[in-house]
Amino acid sequence: MMNNFYIKLLVFFSLFIIVFSFNKERIVDNAIESSIIIKPYYVKNEIVKKNIVKRSYDEEKFSYACDSVIMINLQPTIGHIKNGSLVEIFQTSETPFRTNFIECLNHDRPSCNGINTERFKSECITLYEYIPVGIRILNSNFNFESGELKIPVACQCRLEERLYSHSLLTDEV
């Protein structure tokens, strides 16, 4: 009887040690996994060697490629159509037209943040989408008709590679 008790005790502690070891390794794995997770737009550049740049992710210092303005649940009364004409938008309390506007902060197409200017030419541009809505020419007495309203939907960084960069041609070996 005593012998059976010791066997059960030995099995119990063996399983306890195995489970504890597994959980300890799993905790370490979780710590490693959480440090591997890439969080967008938390980019910080650190120079490691003379011409090598390492990117690391840091929550303290972050920047976006392009500064943008986001207006949520906007109910515009005037806007532009495809040809650039200014129009009045049909709005009623029963069927209001609501949308989100996302556009670049500067409309003069500034360079993107954090881009290697020796290798790339960059610019921040606003992307537009055309949404069907009731419109009429601004300050007119015409009836509202269906038309496509120009809506800003994103601010995008466009890159163009510089094929013959001065630094690439004069790099010493």
C-alpha atoms as a PDB file:
ATOM      1  CA  MET A   1       0.000   0.000   0.000  1.00  0.00           C
ATOM      2  CA  MET A   2       2.821   2.379   0.920  1.00  0.00           C
ATOM      3  CA  ASN A   3       4.623   1.498  -2.275  1.00  0.00           C
ATOM      4  CA  ASN A   4       1.558   2.513  -4.341  1.00  0.00           C
ATOM      5  CA  PHE A   5       1.393   5.840  -2.491  1.00  0.00           C
ATOM      6  CA  TYR A   6       5.033   6.655  -3.335  1.00  0.00           C
ATOM      7  CA  ILE A   7       4.505   5.786  -6.987  1.00  0.00           C
ATOM      8  CA  LYS A   8       1.481   8.102  -7.185  1.00  0.00           C
ATOM      9  CA  LEU A   9       3.418  10.836  -5.382  1.00  0.00           C
ATOM     10  CA  LEU A  10       6.360  10.424  -7.734  1.00  0.00           C
ATOM     11  CA  VAL A  11       4.068  10.562 -10.799  1.00  0.00           C
ATOM     12  CA  PHE A  12       2.316  13.655  -9.426  1.00  0.00           C
ATOM     13  CA  PHE A  13       5.563  15.571  -8.862  1.00  0.00           C
ATOM     14  CA  SER A  14       6.929  14.460 -12.221  1.00  0.00           C
ATOM     15  CA  LEU A  15       3.849  15.794 -13.973  1.00  0.00           C
ATOM     16  CA  PHE A  16       4.019  18.968 -11.888  1.00  0.00           C
ATOM     17  CA  ILE A  17       7.634  19.558 -12.922  1.00  0.00           C
ATOM     18  CA  ILE A  18       6.864  18.855 -16.586  1.00  0.00           C
ATOM     19  CA  VAL A  19       3.867  21.210 -16.568  1.00  0.00           C
ATOM     20  CA  PHE A  20       5.830  23.909 -14.724  1.00  0.00           C
ATOM     21  CA  SER A  21       8.725  23.606 -17.181  1.00  0.00           C
ATOM     22  CA  PHE A  22       6.393  23.830 -20.150  1.00  0.00           C
ATOM     23  CA  ASN A  23       4.617  26.908 -18.771  1.00  0.00           C
ATOM     24  CA  LYS A  24       7.930  28.569 -17.950  1.00  0.00           C
ATOM     25  CA  GLU A  25       9.122  28.058 -21.533  1.00  0.00           C
ATOM     26  CA  ARG A  26       5.773  29.282 -22.813  1.00  0.00           C
ATOM     27  CA  ILE A  27       6.050  32.474 -20.753  1.00  0.00           C
ATOM     28  CA  VAL A  28       9.476  33.099 -22.250  1.00  0.00           C
ATOM     29  CA  ASP A  29       8.061  32.392 -25.735  1.00  0.00           C
ATOM     30  CA  ASN A  30       5.262  34.920 -25.145  1.00  0.00           C
ATOM     31  CA  ALA A  31       7.795  37.550 -24.102  1.00  0.00           C
ATOM     32  CA  ILE A  32       9.820  36.904 -27.254  1.00  0.00           C
ATOM     33  CA  GLU A  33       6.696  36.930 -29.448  1.00  0.00           C
ATOM     34  CA  SER A  34       5.499  40.250 -28.017  1.00  0.00           C
ATOM     35  CA  SER A  35       8.859  41.841 -28.769  1.00  0.00           C
ATOM     36  CA  ILE A  36       8.648  40.581 -32.367  1.00  0.00           C
ATOM     37  CA  ILE A  37       5.204  42.055 -33.032  1.00  0.00           C
ATOM     38  CA  ILE A  38       5.579  44.952 -35.448  1.00  0.00           C
ATOM     39  CA  LYS A  39       3.521  47.979 -34.610  1.00  0.00           C
ATOM     40  CA  PRO A  40       3.028  50.264 -37.623  1.00  0.00           C
ATOM     41  CA  TYR A  41       4.182  53.859 -37.590  1.00  0.00           C
ATOM     42  CA  TYR A  42       6.400  53.448 -34.521  1.00  0.00           C
ATOM     43  CA  VAL A  43       9.618  53.676 -36.532  1.00  0.00           C
ATOM     44  CA  LYS A  44      12.876  55.007 -35.157  1.00  0.00           C
ATOM     45  CA  ASN A  45      16.132  54.969 -37.107  1.00  0.00           C
ATOM     46  CA  GLU A  46      19.343  53.983 -35.342  1.00  0.00           C
ATOM     47  CA  ILE A  47      22.734  54.071 -37.061  1.00  0.00           C
ATOM     48  CA  VAL A  48      24.569  50.811 -36.341  1.00  0.00           C
ATOM     49  CA  LYS A  49      27.617  51.056 -38.651  1.00  0.00           C
ATOM     50  CA  LYS A  50      28.880  53.703 -41.045  1.00  0.00           C
ATOM     51  CA  ASN A  51      26.459  53.084 -43.941  1.00  0.00           C
ATOM     52  CA  ILE A  52      24.016  50.604 -42.377  1.00  0.00           C
ATOM     53  CA  VAL A  53      20.724  51.777 -40.934  1.00  0.00           C
ATOM     54  CA  LYS A  54      18.741  49.540 -38.605  1.00  0.00           C
ATOM     55  CA  ARG A  55      15.047  50.136 -38.043  1.00  0.00           C
ATOM     56  CA  SER A  56      13.602  49.426 -34.621  1.00  0.00           C
ATOM     57  CA  TYR A  57      10.115  49.993 -33.272  1.00  0.00           C
ATOM     58  CA  ASP A  58       9.718  52.276 -30.296  1.00  0.00           C
ATOM     59  CA  GLU A  59       6.483  53.603 -28.803  1.00  0.00           C
ATOM     60  CA  GLU A  60       8.093  56.735 -27.377  1.00  0.00           C
ATOM     61  CA  LYS A  61       9.079  58.359 -30.690  1.00  0.00           C
ATOM     62  CA  PHE A  62       6.924  57.804 -33.746  1.00  0.00           C
ATOM     63  CA  SER A  63       6.074  59.529 -36.980  1.00  0.00           C
ATOM     64  CA  TYR A  64       3.794  59.029 -39.934  1.00  0.00           C
ATOM     65  CA  ALA A  65       5.034  59.066 -43.509  1.00  0.00           C
ATOM     66  CA  CYS A  66       2.542  61.840 -44.285  1.00  0.00           C
ATOM     67  CA  ASP A  67       0.688  64.144 -41.908  1.00  0.00           C
ATOM     68  CA  SER A  68      -3.039  63.881 -42.520  1.00  0.00           C
ATOM     69  CA  VAL A  69      -6.340  65.321 -41.346  1.00  0.00           C
ATOM     70  CA  ILE A  70      -9.261  62.996 -40.576  1.00  0.00           C
ATOM     71  CA  MET A  71     -12.802  64.374 -40.306  1.00  0.00           C
ATOM     72  CA  ILE A  72     -15.303  61.751 -39.169  1.00  0.00           C
ATOM     73  CA  ASN A  73     -19.040  61.680 -39.894  1.00  0.00           C
ATOM     74  CA  LEU A  74     -18.964  64.934 -41.841  1.00  0.00           C
ATOM     75  CA  GLN A  75     -22.171  66.230 -43.425  1.00  0.00           C
ATOM     76  CA  PRO A  76     -20.995  68.554 -46.232  1.00  0.00           C
ATOM     77  CA  THR A  77     -23.358  70.959 -47.980  1.00  0.00           C
ATOM     78  CA  ILE A  78     -21.028  71.935 -50.851  1.00  0.00           C
ATOM     79  CA  GLY A  79     -18.332  70.051 -52.735  1.00  0.00           C
ATOM     80  CA  HIS A  80     -16.602  69.444 -56.062  1.00  0.00           C
ATOM     81  CA  ILE A  81     -17.489  67.058 -58.876  1.00  0.00           C
ATOM     82  CA  LYS A  82     -15.147  65.342 -61.388  1.00  0.00           C
ATOM     83  CA  ASN A  83     -14.728  68.381 -63.634  1.00  0.00           C
ATOM     84  CA  GLY A  84     -13.925  70.633 -60.651  1.00  0.00           C
ATOM     85  CA  SER A  85     -17.231  72.530 -60.561  1.00  0.00           C
ATOM     86  CA  LEU A  86     -18.489  73.641 -57.167  1.00  0.00           C
ATOM     87  CA  VAL A  87     -21.870  72.068 -56.353  1.00  0.00           C
ATOM     88  CA  GLU A  88     -24.503  72.052 -53.644  1.00  0.00           C
ATOM     89  CA  ILE A  89     -25.171  68.643 -52.044  1.00  0.00           C
ATOM     90  CA  PHE A  90     -28.735  67.453 -51.461  1.00  0.00           C
ATOM     91  CA  GLN A  91     -29.248  67.160 -47.692  1.00  0.00           C
ATOM     92  CA  THR A  92     -32.478  66.383 -45.844  1.00  0.00           C
ATOM     93  CA  SER A  93     -33.173  65.364 -42.274  1.00  0.00           C
ATOM     94  CA  GLU A  94     -34.621  62.034 -43.493  1.00  0.00           C
ATOM     95  CA  THR A  95     -31.714  61.136 -45.813  1.00  0.00           C
ATOM     96  CA  PRO A  96     -28.584  63.019 -44.805  1.00  0.00           C
ATOM     97  CA  PHE A  97     -25.378  62.447 -46.745  1.00  0.00           C
ATOM     98  CA  ARG A  98     -22.557  61.685 -44.280  1.00  0.00           C
ATOM     99  CA  THR A  99     -18.981  60.681 -45.039  1.00  0.00           C
ATOM    100  CA  ASN A 100     -15.457  60.688 -43.655  1.00  0.00           C
ATOM    101  CA  PHE A 101     -12.791  62.969 -45.122  1.00  0.00           C
ATOM    102  CA  ILE A 102      -9.141  61.887 -44.956  1.00  0.00           C
ATOM    103  CA  GLU A 103      -6.696  64.214 -46.658  1.00  0.00           C
ATOM    104  CA  CYS A 104      -3.079  65.357 -46.457  1.00  0.00           C
ATOM    105  CA  LEU A 105      -2.418  68.223 -44.080  1.00  0.00           C
ATOM    106  CA  ASN A 106      -0.504  70.175 -46.746  1.00  0.00           C
ATOM    107  CA  HIS A 107      -1.888  70.321 -50.276  1.00  0.00           C
ATOM    108  CA  ASP A 108       1.390  71.452 -51.852  1.00  0.00           C
ATOM    109  CA  ARG A 109       2.677  67.833 -51.992  1.00  0.00           C
ATOM    110  CA  PRO A 110       5.471  67.963 -49.393  1.00  0.00           C
ATOM    111  CA  SER A 111       8.117  65.240 -49.132  1.00  0.00           C
ATOM    112  CA  CYS A 112       7.262  62.199 -47.013  1.00  0.00           C
ATOM    113  CA  ASN A 113       8.809  61.810 -43.558  1.00  0.00           C
ATOM    114  CA  GLY A 114      11.521  59.200 -43.023  1.00  0.00           C
ATOM    115  CA  ILE A 115      12.300  58.536 -46.703  1.00  0.00           C
ATOM    116  CA  ASN A 116      15.869  58.319 -48.017  1.00  0.00           C
ATOM    117  CA  THR A 117      15.988  61.446 -50.198  1.00  0.00           C
ATOM    118  CA  GLU A 118      19.202  60.370 -51.946  1.00  0.00           C
ATOM    119  CA  ARG A 119      17.559  57.268 -53.404  1.00  0.00           C
ATOM    120  CA  PHE A 120      13.923  58.362 -53.702  1.00  0.00           C
ATOM    121  CA  LYS A 121      11.840  61.384 -54.581  1.00  0.00           C
ATOM    122  CA  SER A 122       8.719  61.352 -52.400  1.00  0.00           C
ATOM    123  CA  GLU A 123       5.523  63.356 -52.115  1.00  0.00           C
ATOM    124  CA  CYS A 124       2.392  63.211 -49.970  1.00  0.00           C
ATOM    125  CA  ILE A 125      -0.758  63.273 -52.088  1.00  0.00           C
ATOM    126  CA  THR A 126      -4.460  63.072 -51.296  1.00  0.00           C
ATOM    127  CA  LEU A 127      -6.381  60.234 -52.981  1.00  0.00           C
ATOM    128  CA  TYR A 128      -9.983  60.861 -54.018  1.00  0.00           C
ATOM    129  CA  GLU A 129     -13.022  58.688 -54.596  1.00  0.00           C
ATOM    130  CA  TYR A 130     -16.197  59.616 -56.461  1.00  0.00           C
ATOM    131  CA  ILE A 131     -19.464  58.925 -54.619  1.00  0.00           C
ATOM    132  CA  PRO A 132     -22.928  59.169 -56.227  1.00  0.00           C
ATOM    133  CA  VAL A 133     -25.083  61.788 -54.496  1.00  0.00           C
ATOM    134  CA  GLY A 134     -27.775  64.356 -55.303  1.00  0.00           C
ATOM    135  CA  ILE A 135     -26.153  67.605 -56.502  1.00  0.00           C
ATOM    136  CA  ARG A 136     -26.840  70.855 -58.331  1.00  0.00           C
ATOM    137  CA  ILE A 137     -24.634  73.745 -59.457  1.00  0.00           C
ATOM    138  CA  LEU A 138     -23.943  76.092 -56.535  1.00  0.00           C
ATOM    139  CA  ASN A 139     -26.248  79.150 -56.282  1.00  0.00           C
ATOM    140  CA  SER A 140     -28.598  77.886 -58.995  1.00  0.00           C
ATOM    141  CA  ASN A 141     -32.320  77.116 -59.010  1.00  0.00           C
ATOM    142  CA  PHE A 142     -31.977  73.849 -60.953  1.00  0.00           C
ATOM    143  CA  ASN A 143     -33.365  70.607 -59.565  1.00  0.00           C
ATOM    144  CA  PHE A 144     -31.030  68.225 -57.771  1.00  0.00           C
ATOM    145  CA  GLU A 145     -29.691  65.481 -60.030  1.00  0.00           C
ATOM    146  CA  SER A 146     -27.544  62.437 -59.455  1.00  0.00           C
ATOM    147  CA  GLY A 147     -23.839  63.181 -59.769  1.00  0.00           C
ATOM    148  CA  GLU A 148     -20.480  62.003 -58.492  1.00  0.00           C
ATOM    149  CA  LEU A 149     -18.976  63.981 -55.643  1.00  0.00           C
ATOM    150  CA  LYS A 150     -15.191  64.095 -55.196  1.00  0.00           C
ATOM    151  CA  ILE A 151     -14.334  62.872 -51.661  1.00  0.00           C
ATOM    152  CA  PRO A 152     -10.802  62.723 -50.151  1.00  0.00           C
ATOM    153  CA  VAL A 153     -10.303  59.183 -48.810  1.00  0.00           C
ATOM    154  CA  ALA A 154      -6.574  58.845 -48.011  1.00  0.00           C
ATOM    155  CA  CYS A 155      -3.226  60.572 -47.765  1.00  0.00           C
ATOM    156  CA  GLN A 156      -0.589  58.520 -49.563  1.00  0.00           C
ATOM    157  CA  CYS A 157       3.189  58.715 -49.825  1.00  0.00           C
ATOM    158  CA  ARG A 158       4.272  58.246 -53.455  1.00  0.00           C
ATOM    159  CA  LEU A 159       7.859  57.253 -54.179  1.00  0.00           C
ATOM    160  CA  GLU A 160       9.900  57.580 -57.339  1.00  0.00           C
ATOM    161  CA  GLU A 161      13.306  55.936 -57.403  1.00  0.00           C
ATOM    162  CA  ARG A 162      16.197  58.157 -58.418  1.00  0.00           C
ATOM    163  CA  LEU A 163      18.111  55.963 -60.856  1.00  0.00           C
ATOM    164  CA  TYR A 164      21.260  58.063 -61.084  1.00  0.00           C
ATOM    165  CA  SER A 165      21.784  59.342 -57.578  1.00  0.00           C
ATOM    166  CA  HIS A 166      24.940  61.429 -57.095  1.00  0.00           C
ATOM    167  CA  SER A 167      25.912  59.468 -53.972  1.00  0.00           C
ATOM    168  CA  LEU A 168      25.612  56.165 -55.834  1.00  0.00           C
ATOM    169  CA  LEU A 169      27.923  57.354 -58.620  1.00  0.00           C
ATOM    170  CA  THR A 170      30.591  58.828 -56.334  1.00  0.00           C
ATOM    171  CA  ASP A 171      30.662  56.102 -53.666  1.00  0.00           C
ATOM    172  CA  GLU A 172      34.257  55.119 -52.872  1.00  0.00           C
ATOM    173  CA  VAL A 173      35.266  51.461 -52.818  1.00  0.00           C
END
